């Protein structure tokens, strides 16, 4: 069949070929031809995956990357060494001798002196409740405030202005107050440096306040409030640990939202000159159960929530500007959600999953600071059923 043969004896087909990949193109068209050949090997689903799914994944990681890393935390971080929990015994009608004996301690002939030292930012209401709770048993209240936040934001000396209005007149005879200027160092983005700087300054203020060996020193933030009976127990009992952490009931926004009883950073020290340093991290393995309350982000005004979100050491959690929107902040408070849209900071998947979602509401106001209940109308924003906050 001669019409099927080419000039050189090869087979020939008169039908035009549409196989661009098997032909030699000019330099000008080679790039387009090559792209067409590559696309012929990819089906429609793959194209959709490349153009839709991958960008969505990238956006999802950008928005929720921090949440994902917190959820996967158990894969690379083990739980810290557990504390040795000391049972806490108390009844208002029990003698101090009996209570000390129940804890395995002796009783003293006279109580130790007690110093309560705090770094202050803006928490006027919680400071008042704290000092009223501890007033009967504290020898000296020591307070230091700065004209900057830990993140370097300028702030007024809030306590100084309230002090000028005689709002804290009840503690004046026992008050040692100091202020320190923020360093405002350019380029220093680690807020923990500023926090450490202020804690060193607080050490110096304590010495000016007259603290001596074997006095009790309470180290805790303003919102970590030891109960008065806890401090009275420790000042009367002999042979208590040199450093004792306090396990506090953990609340968020108010006493309507109990989180857990895992707050542990508050501590009480038997002071030793040259050795005791003011700190806010784990310093011993001993912890006393049920020793008070930790009420985090417990503010009266929405503006205070916004300020702290920008000012405290973990300001990097404010990943998007809308987190600071007052309407969103108010909605989050009433729902018991997380201000930073974060996954619970736990070390096991069981604990993480168990705490996901809003914090359940509690309607119990039993065993709260006495001054809070005696002035319930003034501090109703801290009590169950009162989640709405003032704007300014």
Protein backbone atom coordinates (compact mmCIF):
# COMPACT_ATOMS: atom_id res chain seq x y z
CA UNK A 1 0.00 0.00 0.00
CA UNK A 2 2.19 2.68 -1.43
CA UNK A 3 0.10 5.56 -0.14
CA UNK A 4 0.95 4.55 3.37
CA UNK A 5 4.68 4.72 2.73
CA UNK A 6 6.92 7.74 3.01
CA UNK A 7 9.80 8.60 0.79
CA UNK A 8 12.27 6.73 2.98
CA UNK A 9 10.14 3.65 3.28
CA UNK A 10 8.68 4.51 6.70
CA UNK A 11 5.05 4.38 7.62
CA UNK A 12 3.04 7.50 7.00
CA UNK A 13 -0.31 8.62 8.22
CA UNK A 14 -2.16 11.36 6.45
CA UNK A 15 -4.21 12.21 9.59
CA UNK A 16 -2.93 15.32 11.34
CA UNK A 17 -1.49 14.72 14.82
CA UNK A 18 -2.70 16.84 17.77
CA UNK A 19 0.07 15.56 20.01
CA UNK A 20 1.90 18.78 20.74
CA UNK A 21 4.17 17.02 23.22
CA UNK A 22 5.63 14.87 20.50
CA UNK A 23 6.54 17.69 18.11
CA UNK A 24 9.40 20.13 17.94
CA UNK A 25 8.23 23.70 18.23
CA UNK A 26 9.99 26.96 17.62
CA UNK A 27 11.77 28.67 20.50
CA UNK A 28 8.94 31.19 20.69
CA UNK A 29 6.25 28.63 21.29
CA UNK A 30 8.24 26.12 23.26
CA UNK A 31 7.37 27.56 26.70
CA UNK A 32 3.61 27.47 26.07
CA UNK A 33 3.84 24.01 24.60
CA UNK A 34 5.74 22.71 27.60
CA UNK A 35 3.17 24.19 30.02
CA UNK A 36 0.36 22.55 28.07
CA UNK A 37 2.14 19.22 28.25
CA UNK A 38 2.52 19.52 32.04
CA UNK A 39 -1.13 20.41 32.53
CA UNK A 40 -2.26 17.42 30.48
CA UNK A 41 -0.91 15.18 33.23
CA UNK A 42 -2.97 16.88 35.96
CA UNK A 43 -6.64 16.18 36.40
CA UNK A 44 -9.31 18.68 37.50
CA UNK A 45 -9.29 17.57 41.14
CA UNK A 46 -5.60 18.22 41.43
CA UNK A 47 -6.02 21.70 39.96
CA UNK A 48 -8.80 22.48 42.49
CA UNK A 49 -6.56 21.20 45.28
CA UNK A 50 -3.68 23.39 44.20
CA UNK A 51 -5.73 26.54 43.64
CA UNK A 52 -8.23 26.26 46.52
CA UNK A 53 -7.29 23.82 49.26
CA UNK A 54 -3.63 24.78 49.69
CA UNK A 55 -4.33 28.56 50.00
CA UNK A 56 -7.09 27.77 52.49
CA UNK A 57 -4.64 25.69 54.54
CA UNK A 58 -2.09 28.48 54.49
CA UNK A 59 -4.68 31.01 55.66
CA UNK A 60 -5.92 28.59 58.33
CA UNK A 61 -2.43 28.07 59.72
CA UNK A 62 -1.86 31.84 59.74
CA UNK A 63 -5.07 32.48 61.67
CA UNK A 64 -5.06 29.44 63.95
CA UNK A 65 -1.36 28.53 64.05
CA UNK A 66 -0.97 29.42 67.72
CA UNK A 67 -4.03 27.37 68.65
CA UNK A 68 -2.69 24.41 66.69
CA UNK A 69 0.68 24.61 68.44
CA UNK A 70 -1.01 24.75 71.88
CA UNK A 71 -3.20 21.77 71.03
CA UNK A 72 -0.16 19.74 69.98
CA UNK A 73 1.80 20.76 73.07
CA UNK A 74 1.58 17.27 74.68
CA UNK A 75 3.61 15.88 71.77
CA UNK A 76 6.78 17.77 72.69
CA UNK A 77 6.37 19.00 76.27
CA UNK A 78 5.93 16.86 79.37
CA UNK A 79 4.03 17.98 82.48
CA UNK A 80 6.19 19.64 85.17
CA UNK A 81 7.15 17.73 88.27
CA UNK A 82 4.07 17.49 90.52
CA UNK A 83 3.94 19.45 93.76
CA UNK A 84 3.81 17.82 97.16
CA UNK A 85 0.33 18.88 98.27
CA UNK A 86 -0.09 19.68 101.96
CA UNK A 87 -3.70 19.23 103.17
CA UNK A 88 -5.15 22.44 104.54
CA UNK A 89 -7.18 22.27 107.77
CA UNK A 90 -9.27 25.18 109.00
CA UNK A 91 -12.27 25.97 111.12
CA UNK A 92 -12.95 29.28 112.75
CA UNK A 93 -13.66 27.61 116.10
CA UNK A 94 -10.58 25.38 116.12
CA UNK A 95 -7.61 26.45 118.23
CA UNK A 96 -4.37 27.45 116.52
CA UNK A 97 -2.56 24.74 118.46
CA UNK A 98 -4.89 22.11 117.02
CA UNK A 99 -4.60 23.47 113.47
CA UNK A 100 -0.80 23.61 113.55
CA UNK A 101 -0.69 20.07 114.92
CA UNK A 102 -2.97 18.82 112.12
CA UNK A 103 -0.46 20.18 109.59
CA UNK A 104 2.43 18.50 111.37
CA UNK A 105 3.83 21.79 112.68
CA UNK A 106 4.42 23.16 116.14
CA UNK A 107 2.82 26.30 117.51
CA UNK A 108 4.78 29.47 118.32
CA UNK A 109 4.63 31.56 121.48
CA UNK A 110 4.06 34.66 119.35
CA UNK A 111 3.29 35.13 115.64
CA UNK A 112 5.82 36.11 112.99
CA UNK A 113 5.67 39.48 111.31
CA UNK A 114 4.15 39.42 107.80
CA UNK A 115 5.09 41.51 104.76
CA UNK A 116 2.83 41.59 101.71
CA UNK A 117 4.70 42.84 98.61
CA UNK A 118 3.15 43.44 95.18
CA UNK A 119 3.91 45.01 91.82
CA UNK A 120 0.97 47.23 90.93
CA UNK A 121 -0.41 48.17 87.51
CA UNK A 122 -4.06 49.31 87.49
CA UNK A 123 -6.04 46.78 89.59
CA UNK A 124 -7.45 49.20 92.19
CA UNK A 125 -10.53 47.13 93.09
CA UNK A 126 -8.65 43.86 93.55
CA UNK A 127 -5.92 45.62 95.53
CA UNK A 128 -8.55 46.98 97.92
CA UNK A 129 -10.13 43.53 98.38
CA UNK A 130 -6.69 41.98 98.87
CA UNK A 131 -5.57 44.46 101.50
CA UNK A 132 -8.89 44.32 103.36
CA UNK A 133 -8.65 40.51 103.40
CA UNK A 134 -5.09 40.48 104.75
CA UNK A 135 -5.21 43.61 106.92
CA UNK A 136 -5.65 41.92 110.33
CA UNK A 137 -2.43 39.90 109.95
CA UNK A 138 -0.04 41.97 107.81
CA UNK A 139 2.67 44.01 109.50
CA UNK A 140 3.67 46.01 106.43
CA UNK A 141 2.15 46.41 102.97
CA UNK A 142 4.81 47.02 100.32
CA UNK A 143 3.79 48.28 96.88
CA UNK A 144 5.84 49.26 93.86
CA UNK A 145 4.47 50.76 90.66
CA UNK A 146 6.07 51.95 87.46
CA UNK A 147 5.20 54.58 84.87
CA UNK A 148 5.41 51.86 82.20
CA UNK A 149 3.95 48.44 81.59
CA UNK A 150 6.05 45.29 81.15
CA UNK A 151 5.70 45.84 77.40
CA UNK A 152 7.06 49.38 77.62
CA UNK A 153 3.78 51.26 77.23
CA UNK A 154 3.62 54.52 79.24
CA UNK A 155 1.06 54.52 82.05
CA UNK A 156 0.09 56.92 84.82
CA UNK A 157 0.94 56.20 88.46
CA UNK A 158 -2.57 54.94 89.19
CA UNK A 159 -2.02 54.01 92.83
CA UNK A 160 -0.40 57.37 93.60
CA UNK A 161 -3.47 59.21 92.31
CA UNK A 162 -5.87 57.06 94.36
CA UNK A 163 -3.65 57.42 97.39
CA UNK A 164 -3.85 61.20 97.07
CA UNK A 165 -7.65 60.88 97.34
CA UNK A 166 -7.26 59.02 100.66
CA UNK A 167 -8.79 55.87 99.15
CA UNK A 168 -6.21 53.72 100.96
CA UNK A 169 -6.10 55.68 104.16
CA UNK A 170 -6.80 52.53 106.18
CA UNK A 171 -3.34 51.09 105.36
CA UNK A 172 -1.26 54.29 105.48
CA UNK A 173 0.35 53.52 108.87
CA UNK A 174 1.54 50.17 107.49
CA UNK A 175 2.35 51.16 103.90
CA UNK A 176 5.74 51.32 102.19
CA UNK A 177 5.24 52.73 98.70
CA UNK A 178 7.72 53.19 95.89
CA UNK A 179 7.69 54.09 92.22
CA UNK A 180 10.19 53.29 89.50
CA UNK A 181 10.66 54.76 86.04
CA UNK A 182 10.30 52.46 83.06
CA UNK A 183 13.41 51.97 80.99
CA UNK A 184 11.65 52.41 77.60
CA UNK A 185 14.58 50.76 75.84
CA UNK A 186 14.27 50.81 72.07
CA UNK A 187 14.50 47.46 70.38
CA UNK A 188 13.96 45.45 73.58
CA UNK A 189 10.89 43.41 72.81
CA UNK A 190 11.00 40.88 75.64
CA UNK A 191 8.57 42.08 78.35
CA UNK A 192 10.05 39.68 80.90
CA UNK A 193 13.19 41.84 81.11
CA UNK A 194 11.12 44.79 82.31
CA UNK A 195 9.23 42.53 84.73
CA UNK A 196 12.51 41.21 86.19
CA UNK A 197 13.82 44.78 86.49
CA UNK A 198 10.80 45.81 88.55
CA UNK A 199 11.04 42.76 90.80
CA UNK A 200 14.66 43.63 91.64
CA UNK A 201 13.48 47.12 92.57
CA UNK A 202 10.84 45.54 94.83
CA UNK A 203 13.61 43.64 96.66
CA UNK A 204 15.23 46.96 97.52
CA UNK A 205 11.92 48.42 98.67
CA UNK A 206 11.39 45.47 101.00
CA UNK A 207 14.69 46.18 102.73
CA UNK A 208 13.62 49.79 103.18
CA UNK A 209 10.38 48.52 104.73
CA UNK A 210 12.43 46.82 107.46
CA UNK A 211 11.98 43.13 106.70
CA UNK A 212 14.28 40.87 108.75
CA UNK A 213 15.18 37.18 108.97
CA UNK A 214 12.29 34.76 109.61
CA UNK A 215 9.60 37.35 108.81
CA UNK A 216 6.98 35.98 106.43
CA UNK A 217 7.02 37.45 102.92
CA UNK A 218 4.03 36.99 100.61
CA UNK A 219 5.09 36.94 96.95
CA UNK A 220 2.12 37.12 94.60
CA UNK A 221 0.47 39.34 92.03
CA UNK A 222 -2.33 41.67 93.09
CA UNK A 223 -4.97 39.31 91.69
CA UNK A 224 -3.55 36.30 93.60
CA UNK A 225 -5.19 36.80 97.00
CA UNK A 226 -4.29 34.51 99.91
CA UNK A 227 -7.08 33.97 102.42
CA UNK A 228 -6.58 35.63 105.78
CA UNK A 229 -6.86 32.36 107.72
CA UNK A 230 -4.05 30.90 105.58
CA UNK A 231 -1.69 33.73 106.51
CA UNK A 232 -2.73 33.60 110.16
CA UNK A 233 -1.97 29.86 110.21
CA UNK A 234 1.50 30.34 108.74
CA UNK A 235 2.46 33.18 111.04
CA UNK A 236 1.54 31.17 114.15
CA UNK A 237 2.89 27.74 113.20
CA UNK A 238 6.51 26.71 113.75
CA UNK A 239 8.65 24.60 111.40
CA UNK A 240 6.68 25.53 108.29
CA UNK A 241 8.60 25.13 104.98
CA UNK A 242 11.03 27.94 104.19
CA UNK A 243 9.31 28.38 100.84
CA UNK A 244 5.68 27.34 100.51
CA UNK A 245 3.56 27.79 97.39
CA UNK A 246 -0.15 28.47 97.77
CA UNK A 247 -2.70 26.60 95.70
CA UNK A 248 -5.42 29.09 94.79
CA UNK A 249 -8.84 28.67 93.21
CA UNK A 250 -8.56 29.97 89.67
CA UNK A 251 -11.22 32.35 88.31
CA UNK A 252 -11.51 34.31 85.06
CA UNK A 253 -13.28 37.70 84.66
CA UNK A 254 -15.14 37.31 87.98
CA UNK A 255 -16.07 34.75 90.61
CA UNK A 256 -18.80 33.56 88.25
CA UNK A 257 -16.28 31.66 86.11
CA UNK A 258 -14.24 29.13 88.13
CA UNK A 259 -11.53 27.58 85.93
CA UNK A 260 -9.77 25.11 88.25
CA UNK A 261 -7.69 24.99 91.43
CA UNK A 262 -4.30 24.87 89.70
CA UNK A 263 -3.01 28.39 90.36
CA UNK A 264 0.34 27.89 92.12
CA UNK A 265 2.61 30.93 91.57
CA UNK A 266 1.72 32.68 94.84
CA UNK A 267 4.16 31.78 97.62
CA UNK A 268 5.08 32.56 101.22
CA UNK A 269 8.73 32.73 102.32
CA UNK A 270 10.51 32.76 105.63
CA UNK A 271 12.77 35.64 104.76
CA UNK A 272 16.56 35.19 104.68
CA UNK A 273 18.76 38.23 104.16
CA UNK A 274 20.83 37.94 101.01
CA UNK A 275 19.07 34.77 99.88
CA UNK A 276 15.38 35.57 99.46
CA UNK A 277 14.68 37.21 96.09
CA UNK A 278 11.30 38.39 94.92
CA UNK A 279 10.14 36.14 92.07
CA UNK A 280 7.01 34.78 90.42
CA UNK A 281 8.06 31.31 89.33
CA UNK A 282 8.30 27.89 90.95
CA UNK A 283 10.70 27.96 93.88
CA UNK A 284 9.88 24.78 95.84
CA UNK A 285 7.94 21.52 95.65
CA UNK A 286 5.71 22.22 98.67
CA UNK A 287 2.23 23.65 98.16
CA UNK A 288 -0.63 24.28 100.61
CA UNK A 289 -4.08 23.34 99.32
CA UNK A 290 -7.07 25.71 99.10
CA UNK A 291 -5.25 28.85 100.23
CA UNK A 292 -7.13 31.66 98.49
CA UNK A 293 -8.29 33.01 95.14
CA UNK A 294 -6.75 33.99 91.82
CA UNK A 295 -9.09 36.22 89.81
CA UNK A 296 -7.48 36.94 86.44
CA UNK A 297 -8.74 39.79 84.20
CA UNK A 298 -11.25 40.76 86.88
CA UNK A 299 -11.82 44.40 85.91
CA UNK A 300 -14.73 46.79 86.23
CA UNK A 301 -14.25 48.53 82.87
CA UNK A 302 -13.85 47.27 79.29
CA UNK A 303 -11.05 49.80 78.80
CA UNK A 304 -9.06 48.02 81.53
CA UNK A 305 -9.40 44.69 79.73
CA UNK A 306 -8.12 46.26 76.52
CA UNK A 307 -5.23 47.95 78.32
CA UNK A 308 -4.06 44.76 79.99
CA UNK A 309 -4.33 42.76 76.77
CA UNK A 310 -1.82 45.18 75.25
CA UNK A 311 0.28 45.65 78.36
CA UNK A 312 0.97 42.32 80.03
CA UNK A 313 3.83 39.95 79.34
CA UNK A 314 1.93 37.78 76.84
CA UNK A 315 0.87 40.67 74.61
CA UNK A 316 1.91 38.61 71.56
CA UNK A 317 -1.38 36.74 71.91
CA UNK A 318 -3.20 39.78 70.52
CA UNK A 319 -2.71 38.55 66.96
CA UNK A 320 -5.50 40.57 65.34
CA UNK A 321 -6.78 44.09 65.93
CA UNK A 322 -10.42 43.02 66.29
CA UNK A 323 -9.52 41.17 69.50
CA UNK A 324 -9.49 44.59 71.19
CA UNK A 325 -12.94 45.60 69.94
CA UNK A 326 -14.99 46.58 73.05
CA UNK A 327 -18.13 44.80 71.80
CA UNK A 328 -16.17 41.60 71.25
CA UNK A 329 -14.52 41.88 74.69
CA UNK A 330 -17.92 42.29 76.37
CA UNK A 331 -19.36 39.31 74.50
CA UNK A 332 -16.38 37.12 75.43
CA UNK A 333 -16.70 38.04 79.12
CA UNK A 334 -20.39 37.13 79.34
CA UNK A 335 -19.86 33.88 77.43
CA UNK A 336 -16.87 32.78 79.50
CA UNK A 337 -14.76 32.46 76.33
CA UNK A 338 -11.06 33.19 75.93
CA UNK A 339 -10.07 36.80 75.18
CA UNK A 340 -7.25 35.66 72.92
CA UNK A 341 -9.16 32.78 71.27
CA UNK A 342 -6.59 30.36 72.71
CA UNK A 343 -6.56 26.64 73.37
CA UNK A 344 -6.25 25.73 77.10
CA UNK A 345 -2.63 25.61 78.28
CA UNK A 346 -2.43 22.01 79.42
CA UNK A 347 0.02 19.12 79.06
CA UNK A 348 -2.29 16.24 78.13
CA UNK A 349 -4.86 15.90 75.36
CA UNK A 350 -7.42 14.81 77.96
CA UNK A 351 -7.03 18.07 79.92
CA UNK A 352 -6.99 20.19 76.77
CA UNK A 353 -10.17 18.66 75.35
CA UNK A 354 -11.85 18.75 78.77
CA UNK A 355 -11.34 22.50 79.05
CA UNK A 356 -12.16 23.50 75.49
CA UNK A 357 -15.14 25.77 75.03
CA UNK A 358 -16.67 28.35 77.36
CA UNK A 359 -16.15 28.16 81.12
CA UNK A 360 -19.35 26.95 82.81
CA UNK A 361 -21.12 29.58 84.89
CA UNK A 362 -21.16 29.18 88.66
CA UNK A 363 -23.79 30.73 90.89
CA UNK A 364 -21.98 30.08 94.16
CA UNK A 365 -20.62 33.00 96.13
CA UNK A 366 -19.67 30.89 99.15
CA UNK A 367 -16.19 31.15 100.71
CA UNK A 368 -15.22 34.39 98.96
CA UNK A 369 -13.34 37.29 100.60
CA UNK A 370 -15.46 38.77 103.38
CA UNK A 371 -14.92 42.39 102.31
CA UNK A 372 -16.24 41.54 98.82
CA UNK A 373 -19.51 40.20 100.22
CA UNK A 374 -19.84 43.02 102.75
CA UNK A 375 -19.56 45.51 99.88
CA UNK A 376 -21.42 43.49 97.25
CA UNK A 377 -23.10 46.47 95.60
CA UNK A 378 -19.79 48.23 95.04
CA UNK A 379 -18.15 45.09 93.65
CA UNK A 380 -21.12 43.39 92.01
CA UNK A 381 -19.19 43.04 88.72
CA UNK A 382 -17.15 40.35 90.49
CA UNK A 383 -20.17 38.35 91.62
CA UNK A 384 -22.28 35.81 89.70
CA UNK A 385 -24.92 37.22 87.35
CA UNK A 386 -23.18 40.55 86.69
CA UNK A 387 -21.07 40.12 83.57
CA UNK A 388 -21.83 43.50 81.97
CA UNK A 389 -18.95 45.95 82.38
CA UNK A 390 -18.63 49.72 82.30
CA UNK A 391 -17.15 51.01 79.05
CA UNK A 392 -14.89 53.59 80.70
